[in-house]
Each structure stands twice: as C-alpha cells, then as structure tokens.
Amino acid sequence: FVEDDDVIREATQLALERDGFVVTAMPDG
C-alpha cells in the first residue's frame, strides 16, 4: 500500500489488517 497521507495510510492499513491481510505501507513511490 503506497499512500503519502499519514492518516489515510495508517487507517487503511489497520482496516486491511483487521480483514486478514498482511500490509506493507509506504509513504512514497
């Protein structure tokens, strides 16, 4: 998951992890 907005990145990562995904989140390309 690549997203530069800290709030969106962290909230989305948590939501995906709650659904059972393993997430690697990065702030830039």
PDB file of all heavy atoms in Angstrom:
ATOM      1  N   PHE A   1       0.850  -1.188   0.000  1.00  0.00           N
ATOM      2  CA  PHE A   1       0.000   0.000   0.000  1.00  0.00           C
ATOM      3  C   PHE A   1       0.883   1.235   0.000  1.00  0.00           C
ATOM      4  O   PHE A   1       1.667   1.451   0.922  1.00  0.00           O
ATOM      5  CB  PHE A   1      -0.911  -0.026   1.228  1.00  0.00           C
ATOM      6  CG  PHE A   1      -1.820   1.162   1.362  1.00  0.00           C
ATOM      7  CD1 PHE A   1      -2.408   1.754   0.249  1.00  0.00           C
ATOM      8  CD2 PHE A   1      -2.108   1.690   2.605  1.00  0.00           C
ATOM      9  CE1 PHE A   1      -3.252   2.843   0.371  1.00  0.00           C
ATOM     10  CE2 PHE A   1      -2.956   2.775   2.752  1.00  0.00           C
ATOM     11  CZ  PHE A   1      -3.529   3.352   1.634  1.00  0.00           C
ATOM     12  N   VAL A   2       0.774   2.046  -1.054  1.00  0.00           N
ATOM     13  CA  VAL A   2       1.586   3.258  -1.177  1.00  0.00           C
ATOM     14  C   VAL A   2       0.661   4.470  -1.115  1.00  0.00           C
ATOM     15  O   VAL A   2      -0.167   4.676  -2.010  1.00  0.00           O
ATOM     16  CB  VAL A   2       2.402   3.262  -2.490  1.00  0.00           C
ATOM     17  CG1 VAL A   2       3.265   4.516  -2.573  1.00  0.00           C
ATOM     18  CG2 VAL A   2       3.274   2.006  -2.579  1.00  0.00           C
ATOM     19  N   GLU A   3       0.816   5.267  -0.066  1.00  0.00           N
ATOM     20  CA  GLU A   3      -0.060   6.420   0.189  1.00  0.00           C
ATOM     21  C   GLU A   3       0.710   7.417   1.042  1.00  0.00           C
ATOM     22  O   GLU A   3       1.284   7.048   2.076  1.00  0.00           O
ATOM     23  CB  GLU A   3      -1.323   5.949   0.920  1.00  0.00           C
ATOM     24  CG  GLU A   3      -2.162   7.039   1.554  1.00  0.00           C
ATOM     25  CD  GLU A   3      -2.741   8.013   0.551  1.00  0.00           C
ATOM     26  OE1 GLU A   3      -3.549   7.592  -0.294  1.00  0.00           O
ATOM     27  OE2 GLU A   3      -2.360   9.211   0.622  1.00  0.00           O
ATOM     28  N   ASP A   4       0.757   8.688   0.611  1.00  0.00           N
ATOM     29  CA  ASP A   4       1.546   9.676   1.332  1.00  0.00           C
ATOM     30  C   ASP A   4       0.802  10.345   2.479  1.00  0.00           C
ATOM     31  O   ASP A   4       1.433  10.942   3.359  1.00  0.00           O
ATOM     32  CB  ASP A   4       2.089  10.734   0.373  1.00  0.00           C
ATOM     33  CG  ASP A   4       0.985  11.543  -0.287  1.00  0.00           C
ATOM     34  OD1 ASP A   4      -0.070  10.952  -0.612  1.00  0.00           O
ATOM     35  OD2 ASP A   4       1.172  12.755  -0.492  1.00  0.00           O
ATOM     36  N   ASP A   5      -0.518  10.279   2.502  1.00  0.00           N
ATOM     37  CA  ASP A   5      -1.284  10.865   3.594  1.00  0.00           C
ATOM     38  C   ASP A   5      -1.203   9.932   4.805  1.00  0.00           C
ATOM     39  O   ASP A   5      -1.687   8.797   4.765  1.00  0.00           O
ATOM     40  CB  ASP A   5      -2.743  11.063   3.167  1.00  0.00           C
ATOM     41  CG  ASP A   5      -3.562  11.798   4.211  1.00  0.00           C
ATOM     42  OD1 ASP A   5      -3.740  11.244   5.310  1.00  0.00           O
ATOM     43  OD2 ASP A   5      -4.033  12.908   3.922  1.00  0.00           O
ATOM     44  N   ASP A   6      -0.603  10.428   5.902  1.00  0.00           N
ATOM     45  CA  ASP A   6      -0.366   9.585   7.073  1.00  0.00           C
ATOM     46  C   ASP A   6      -1.658   9.019   7.651  1.00  0.00           C
ATOM     47  O   ASP A   6      -1.724   7.847   8.041  1.00  0.00           O
ATOM     48  CB  ASP A   6       0.369  10.377   8.160  1.00  0.00           C
ATOM     49  CG  ASP A   6       1.785  10.766   7.745  1.00  0.00           C
ATOM     50  OD1 ASP A   6       2.320  10.133   6.819  1.00  0.00           O
ATOM     51  OD2 ASP A   6       2.340  11.701   8.355  1.00  0.00           O
ATOM     52  N   VAL A   7      -2.691   9.846   7.748  1.00  0.00           N
ATOM     53  CA  VAL A   7      -3.956   9.411   8.348  1.00  0.00           C
ATOM     54  C   VAL A   7      -4.599   8.314   7.502  1.00  0.00           C
ATOM     55  O   VAL A   7      -5.021   7.265   8.015  1.00  0.00           O
ATOM     56  CB  VAL A   7      -4.910  10.601   8.526  1.00  0.00           C
ATOM     57  CG1 VAL A   7      -6.272  10.113   9.014  1.00  0.00           C
ATOM     58  CG2 VAL A   7      -4.330  11.614   9.499  1.00  0.00           C
ATOM     59  N   ILE A   8      -4.679   8.556   6.189  1.00  0.00           N
ATOM     60  CA  ILE A   8      -5.290   7.573   5.297  1.00  0.00           C
ATOM     61  C   ILE A   8      -4.468   6.280   5.291  1.00  0.00           C
ATOM     62  O   ILE A   8      -5.022   5.174   5.340  1.00  0.00           O
ATOM     63  CB  ILE A   8      -5.411   8.128   3.870  1.00  0.00           C
ATOM     64  CG1 ILE A   8      -6.388   9.307   3.839  1.00  0.00           C
ATOM     65  CG2 ILE A   8      -5.873   7.027   2.902  1.00  0.00           C
ATOM     66  CD1 ILE A   8      -6.489   9.985   2.484  1.00  0.00           C
ATOM     67  N   ARG A   9      -3.147   6.429   5.242  1.00  0.00           N
ATOM     68  CA  ARG A   9      -2.292   5.240   5.186  1.00  0.00           C
ATOM     69  C   ARG A   9      -2.460   4.376   6.433  1.00  0.00           C
ATOM     70  O   ARG A   9      -2.629   3.155   6.335  1.00  0.00           O
ATOM     71  CB  ARG A   9      -0.828   5.659   5.020  1.00  0.00           C
ATOM     72  CG  ARG A   9       0.110   4.473   4.792  1.00  0.00           C
ATOM     73  CD  ARG A   9       1.545   4.905   4.525  1.00  0.00           C
ATOM     74  NE  ARG A   9       2.158   5.607   5.645  1.00  0.00           N
ATOM     75  CZ  ARG A   9       2.354   6.918   5.691  1.00  0.00           C
ATOM     76  NH1 ARG A   9       2.010   7.687   4.682  1.00  0.00           N
ATOM     77  NH2 ARG A   9       2.920   7.471   6.757  1.00  0.00           N
ATOM     78  N   GLU A  10      -2.422   5.020   7.607  1.00  0.00           N
ATOM     79  CA  GLU A  10      -2.499   4.249   8.838  1.00  0.00           C
ATOM     80  C   GLU A  10      -3.887   3.660   9.046  1.00  0.00           C
ATOM     81  O   GLU A  10      -4.022   2.493   9.446  1.00  0.00           O
ATOM     82  CB  GLU A  10      -2.115   5.146  10.019  1.00  0.00           C
ATOM     83  CG  GLU A  10      -0.646   5.556   9.993  1.00  0.00           C
ATOM     84  CD  GLU A  10      -0.312   6.613  11.020  1.00  0.00           C
ATOM     85  OE1 GLU A  10      -1.180   6.896  11.880  1.00  0.00           O
ATOM     86  OE2 GLU A  10       0.804   7.161  10.979  1.00  0.00           O
ATOM     87  N   ALA A  11      -4.923   4.429   8.756  1.00  0.00           N
ATOM     88  CA  ALA A  11      -6.283   3.925   8.952  1.00  0.00           C
ATOM     89  C   ALA A  11      -6.590   2.787   7.992  1.00  0.00           C
ATOM     90  O   ALA A  11      -7.210   1.775   8.376  1.00  0.00           O
ATOM     91  CB  ALA A  11      -7.294   5.062   8.756  1.00  0.00           C
ATOM     92  N   THR A  12      -6.162   2.927   6.738  1.00  0.00           N
ATOM     93  CA  THR A  12      -6.419   1.882   5.751  1.00  0.00           C
ATOM     94  C   THR A  12      -5.625   0.623   6.073  1.00  0.00           C
ATOM     95  O   THR A  12      -6.134  -0.500   5.936  1.00  0.00           O
ATOM     96  CB  THR A  12      -6.064   2.381   4.339  1.00  0.00           C
ATOM     97  OG1 THR A  12      -6.817   3.567   4.059  1.00  0.00           O
ATOM     98  CG2 THR A  12      -6.391   1.325   3.292  1.00  0.00           C
ATOM     99  N   GLN A  13      -4.383   0.806   6.503  1.00  0.00           N
ATOM    100  CA  GLN A  13      -3.576  -0.357   6.878  1.00  0.00           C
ATOM    101  C   GLN A  13      -4.246  -1.135   8.001  1.00  0.00           C
ATOM    102  O   GLN A  13      -4.346  -2.372   7.944  1.00  0.00           O
ATOM    103  CB  GLN A  13      -2.175   0.078   7.295  1.00  0.00           C
ATOM    104  CG  GLN A  13      -1.294  -1.105   7.714  1.00  0.00           C
ATOM    105  CD  GLN A  13       0.138  -0.697   8.010  1.00  0.00           C
ATOM    106  OE1 GLN A  13       0.486   0.477   7.906  1.00  0.00           O
ATOM    107  NE2 GLN A  13       0.977  -1.663   8.359  1.00  0.00           N
ATOM    108  N   LEU A  14      -4.734  -0.440   9.014  1.00  0.00           N
ATOM    109  CA  LEU A  14      -5.408  -1.106  10.123  1.00  0.00           C
ATOM    110  C   LEU A  14      -6.661  -1.829   9.658  1.00  0.00           C
ATOM    111  O   LEU A  14      -6.937  -2.963  10.076  1.00  0.00           O
ATOM    112  CB  LEU A  14      -5.756  -0.086  11.209  1.00  0.00           C
ATOM    113  CG  LEU A  14      -4.590   0.459  12.032  1.00  0.00           C
ATOM    114  CD1 LEU A  14      -5.064   1.582  12.951  1.00  0.00           C
ATOM    115  CD2 LEU A  14      -3.939  -0.650  12.853  1.00  0.00           C
ATOM    116  N   ALA A  15      -7.426  -1.177   8.771  1.00  0.00           N
ATOM    117  CA  ALA A  15      -8.659  -1.796   8.269  1.00  0.00           C
ATOM    118  C   ALA A  15      -8.356  -3.065   7.483  1.00  0.00           C
ATOM    119  O   ALA A  15      -9.035  -4.087   7.625  1.00  0.00           O
ATOM    120  CB  ALA A  15      -9.417  -0.791   7.402  1.00  0.00           C
ATOM    121  N   LEU A  16      -7.331  -3.014   6.639  1.00  0.00           N
ATOM    122  CA  LEU A  16      -6.969  -4.189   5.850  1.00  0.00           C
ATOM    123  C   LEU A  16      -6.445  -5.311   6.737  1.00  0.00           C
ATOM    124  O   LEU A  16      -6.752  -6.492   6.516  1.00  0.00           O
ATOM    125  CB  LEU A  16      -5.931  -3.805   4.795  1.00  0.00           C
ATOM    126  CG  LEU A  16      -6.395  -2.881   3.680  1.00  0.00           C
ATOM    127  CD1 LEU A  16      -5.226  -2.514   2.767  1.00  0.00           C
ATOM    128  CD2 LEU A  16      -7.511  -3.512   2.866  1.00  0.00           C
ATOM    129  N   GLU A  17      -5.660  -4.950   7.741  1.00  0.00           N
ATOM    130  CA  GLU A  17      -5.128  -5.968   8.647  1.00  0.00           C
ATOM    131  C   GLU A  17      -6.241  -6.623   9.455  1.00  0.00           C
ATOM    132  O   GLU A  17      -6.187  -7.835   9.747  1.00  0.00           O
ATOM    133  CB  GLU A  17      -4.074  -5.350   9.559  1.00  0.00           C
ATOM    134  CG  GLU A  17      -2.786  -4.998   8.811  1.00  0.00           C
ATOM    135  CD  GLU A  17      -1.775  -4.265   9.652  1.00  0.00           C
ATOM    136  OE1 GLU A  17      -2.158  -3.711  10.717  1.00  0.00           O
ATOM    137  OE2 GLU A  17      -0.598  -4.216   9.259  1.00  0.00           O
ATOM    138  N   ARG A  18      -7.275  -5.855   9.807  1.00  0.00           N
ATOM    139  CA  ARG A  18      -8.415  -6.442  10.512  1.00  0.00           C
ATOM    140  C   ARG A  18      -9.133  -7.467   9.641  1.00  0.00           C
ATOM    141  O   ARG A  18      -9.748  -8.408  10.155  1.00  0.00           O
ATOM    142  CB  ARG A  18      -9.391  -5.346  10.953  1.00  0.00           C
ATOM    143  CG  ARG A  18      -8.952  -4.583  12.188  1.00  0.00           C
ATOM    144  CD  ARG A  18     -10.119  -3.826  12.799  1.00  0.00           C
ATOM    145  NE  ARG A  18     -10.666  -2.837  11.880  1.00  0.00           N
ATOM    146  CZ  ARG A  18     -10.274  -1.568  11.825  1.00  0.00           C
ATOM    147  NH1 ARG A  18      -9.316  -1.138  12.637  1.00  0.00           N
ATOM    148  NH2 ARG A  18     -10.820  -0.734  10.979  1.00  0.00           N
ATOM    149  N   ASP A  19      -9.046  -7.274   8.315  1.00  0.00           N
ATOM    150  CA  ASP A  19      -9.675  -8.225   7.395  1.00  0.00           C
ATOM    151  C   ASP A  19      -8.749  -9.374   7.028  1.00  0.00           C
ATOM    152  O   ASP A  19      -9.064 -10.161   6.141  1.00  0.00           O
ATOM    153  CB  ASP A  19     -10.136  -7.501   6.130  1.00  0.00           C
ATOM    154  CG  ASP A  19     -11.535  -6.929   6.270  1.00  0.00           C
ATOM    155  OD1 ASP A  19     -12.495  -7.687   6.049  1.00  0.00           O
ATOM    156  OD2 ASP A  19     -11.665  -5.746   6.626  1.00  0.00           O
ATOM    157  N   GLY A  20      -7.608  -9.462   7.678  1.00  0.00           N
ATOM    158  CA  GLY A  20      -6.744 -10.614   7.498  1.00  0.00           C
ATOM    159  C   GLY A  20      -5.611 -10.451   6.509  1.00  0.00           C
ATOM    160  O   GLY A  20      -4.879 -11.416   6.250  1.00  0.00           O
ATOM    161  N   PHE A  21      -5.437  -9.239   5.952  1.00  0.00           N
ATOM    162  CA  PHE A  21      -4.347  -9.004   5.016  1.00  0.00           C
ATOM    163  C   PHE A  21      -3.055  -8.661   5.764  1.00  0.00           C
ATOM    164  O   PHE A  21      -3.088  -8.061   6.837  1.00  0.00           O
ATOM    165  CB  PHE A  21      -4.679  -7.855   4.066  1.00  0.00           C
ATOM    166  CG  PHE A  21      -5.845  -8.122   3.165  1.00  0.00           C
ATOM    167  CD1 PHE A  21      -7.091  -7.589   3.447  1.00  0.00           C
ATOM    168  CD2 PHE A  21      -5.704  -8.903   2.024  1.00  0.00           C
ATOM    169  CE1 PHE A  21      -8.175  -7.821   2.615  1.00  0.00           C
ATOM    170  CE2 PHE A  21      -6.774  -9.146   1.190  1.00  0.00           C
ATOM    171  CZ  PHE A  21      -8.012  -8.616   1.485  1.00  0.00           C
ATOM    172  N   VAL A  22      -1.935  -9.029   5.175  1.00  0.00           N
ATOM    173  CA  VAL A  22      -0.637  -8.556   5.638  1.00  0.00           C
ATOM    174  C   VAL A  22      -0.287  -7.337   4.793  1.00  0.00           C
ATOM    175  O   VAL A  22      -0.301  -7.416   3.557  1.00  0.00           O
ATOM    176  CB  VAL A  22       0.448  -9.639   5.482  1.00  0.00           C
ATOM    177  CG1 VAL A  22       1.815  -9.084   5.855  1.00  0.00           C
ATOM    178  CG2 VAL A  22       0.112 -10.847   6.332  1.00  0.00           C
ATOM    179  N   VAL A  23      -0.007  -6.210   5.434  1.00  0.00           N
ATOM    180  CA  VAL A  23       0.148  -4.946   4.713  1.00  0.00           C
ATOM    181  C   VAL A  23       1.544  -4.363   4.916  1.00  0.00           C
ATOM    182  O   VAL A  23       2.023  -4.237   6.042  1.00  0.00           O
ATOM    183  CB  VAL A  23      -0.906  -3.913   5.165  1.00  0.00           C
ATOM    184  CG1 VAL A  23      -0.751  -2.614   4.377  1.00  0.00           C
ATOM    185  CG2 VAL A  23      -2.314  -4.472   5.004  1.00  0.00           C
ATOM    186  N   THR A  24       2.182  -4.023   3.790  1.00  0.00           N
ATOM    187  CA  THR A  24       3.392  -3.202   3.822  1.00  0.00           C
ATOM    188  C   THR A  24       3.003  -1.832   3.296  1.00  0.00           C
ATOM    189  O   THR A  24       2.599  -1.702   2.139  1.00  0.00           O
ATOM    190  CB  THR A  24       4.506  -3.800   2.940  1.00  0.00           C
ATOM    191  OG1 THR A  24       4.877  -5.076   3.454  1.00  0.00           O
ATOM    192  CG2 THR A  24       5.727  -2.881   2.926  1.00  0.00           C
ATOM    193  N   ALA A  25       3.060  -0.815   4.156  1.00  0.00           N
ATOM    194  CA  ALA A  25       2.613   0.533   3.797  1.00  0.00           C
ATOM    195  C   ALA A  25       3.809   1.454   3.640  1.00  0.00           C
ATOM    196  O   ALA A  25       4.678   1.511   4.521  1.00  0.00           O
ATOM    197  CB  ALA A  25       1.654   1.075   4.850  1.00  0.00           C
ATOM    198  N   MET A  26       3.845   2.177   2.529  1.00  0.00           N
ATOM    199  CA  MET A  26       4.948   3.082   2.235  1.00  0.00           C
ATOM    200  C   MET A  26       4.418   4.473   1.885  1.00  0.00           C
ATOM    201  O   MET A  26       3.365   4.588   1.239  1.00  0.00           O
ATOM    202  CB  MET A  26       5.790   2.550   1.085  1.00  0.00           C
ATOM    203  CG  MET A  26       6.584   1.296   1.429  1.00  0.00           C
ATOM    204  SD  MET A  26       7.811   1.651   2.701  1.00  0.00           S
ATOM    205  CE  MET A  26       8.395  -0.003   3.086  1.00  0.00           C
ATOM    206  N   PRO A  27       5.167   5.552   2.256  1.00  0.00           N
ATOM    207  CA  PRO A  27       4.683   6.909   2.044  1.00  0.00           C
ATOM    208  C   PRO A  27       5.033   7.524   0.699  1.00  0.00           C
ATOM    209  O   PRO A  27       4.555   8.612   0.379  1.00  0.00           O
ATOM    210  CB  PRO A  27       5.363   7.686   3.177  1.00  0.00           C
ATOM    211  CG  PRO A  27       6.678   6.982   3.350  1.00  0.00           C
ATOM    212  CD  PRO A  27       6.383   5.530   3.106  1.00  0.00           C
ATOM    213  N   ASP A  28       5.896   6.875  -0.093  1.00  0.00           N
ATOM    214  CA  ASP A  28       6.222   7.447  -1.398  1.00  0.00           C
ATOM    215  C   ASP A  28       6.530   6.334  -2.401  1.00  0.00           C
ATOM    216  O   ASP A  28       6.712   5.168  -2.026  1.00  0.00           O
ATOM    217  CB  ASP A  28       7.375   8.442  -1.309  1.00  0.00           C
ATOM    218  CG  ASP A  28       8.711   7.802  -0.941  1.00  0.00           C
ATOM    219  OD1 ASP A  28       9.204   6.959  -1.714  1.00  0.00           O
ATOM    220  OD2 ASP A  28       9.260   8.148   0.116  1.00  0.00           O
ATOM    221  N   GLY A  29       6.577   6.720  -3.668  1.00  0.00           N
ATOM    222  CA  GLY A  29       6.713   5.736  -4.723  1.00  0.00           C
ATOM    223  C   GLY A  29       8.048   5.030  -4.776  1.00  0.00           C
ATOM    224  O   GLY A  29       8.126   3.843  -5.101  1.00  0.00           O
TER     225      GLY A  29
END
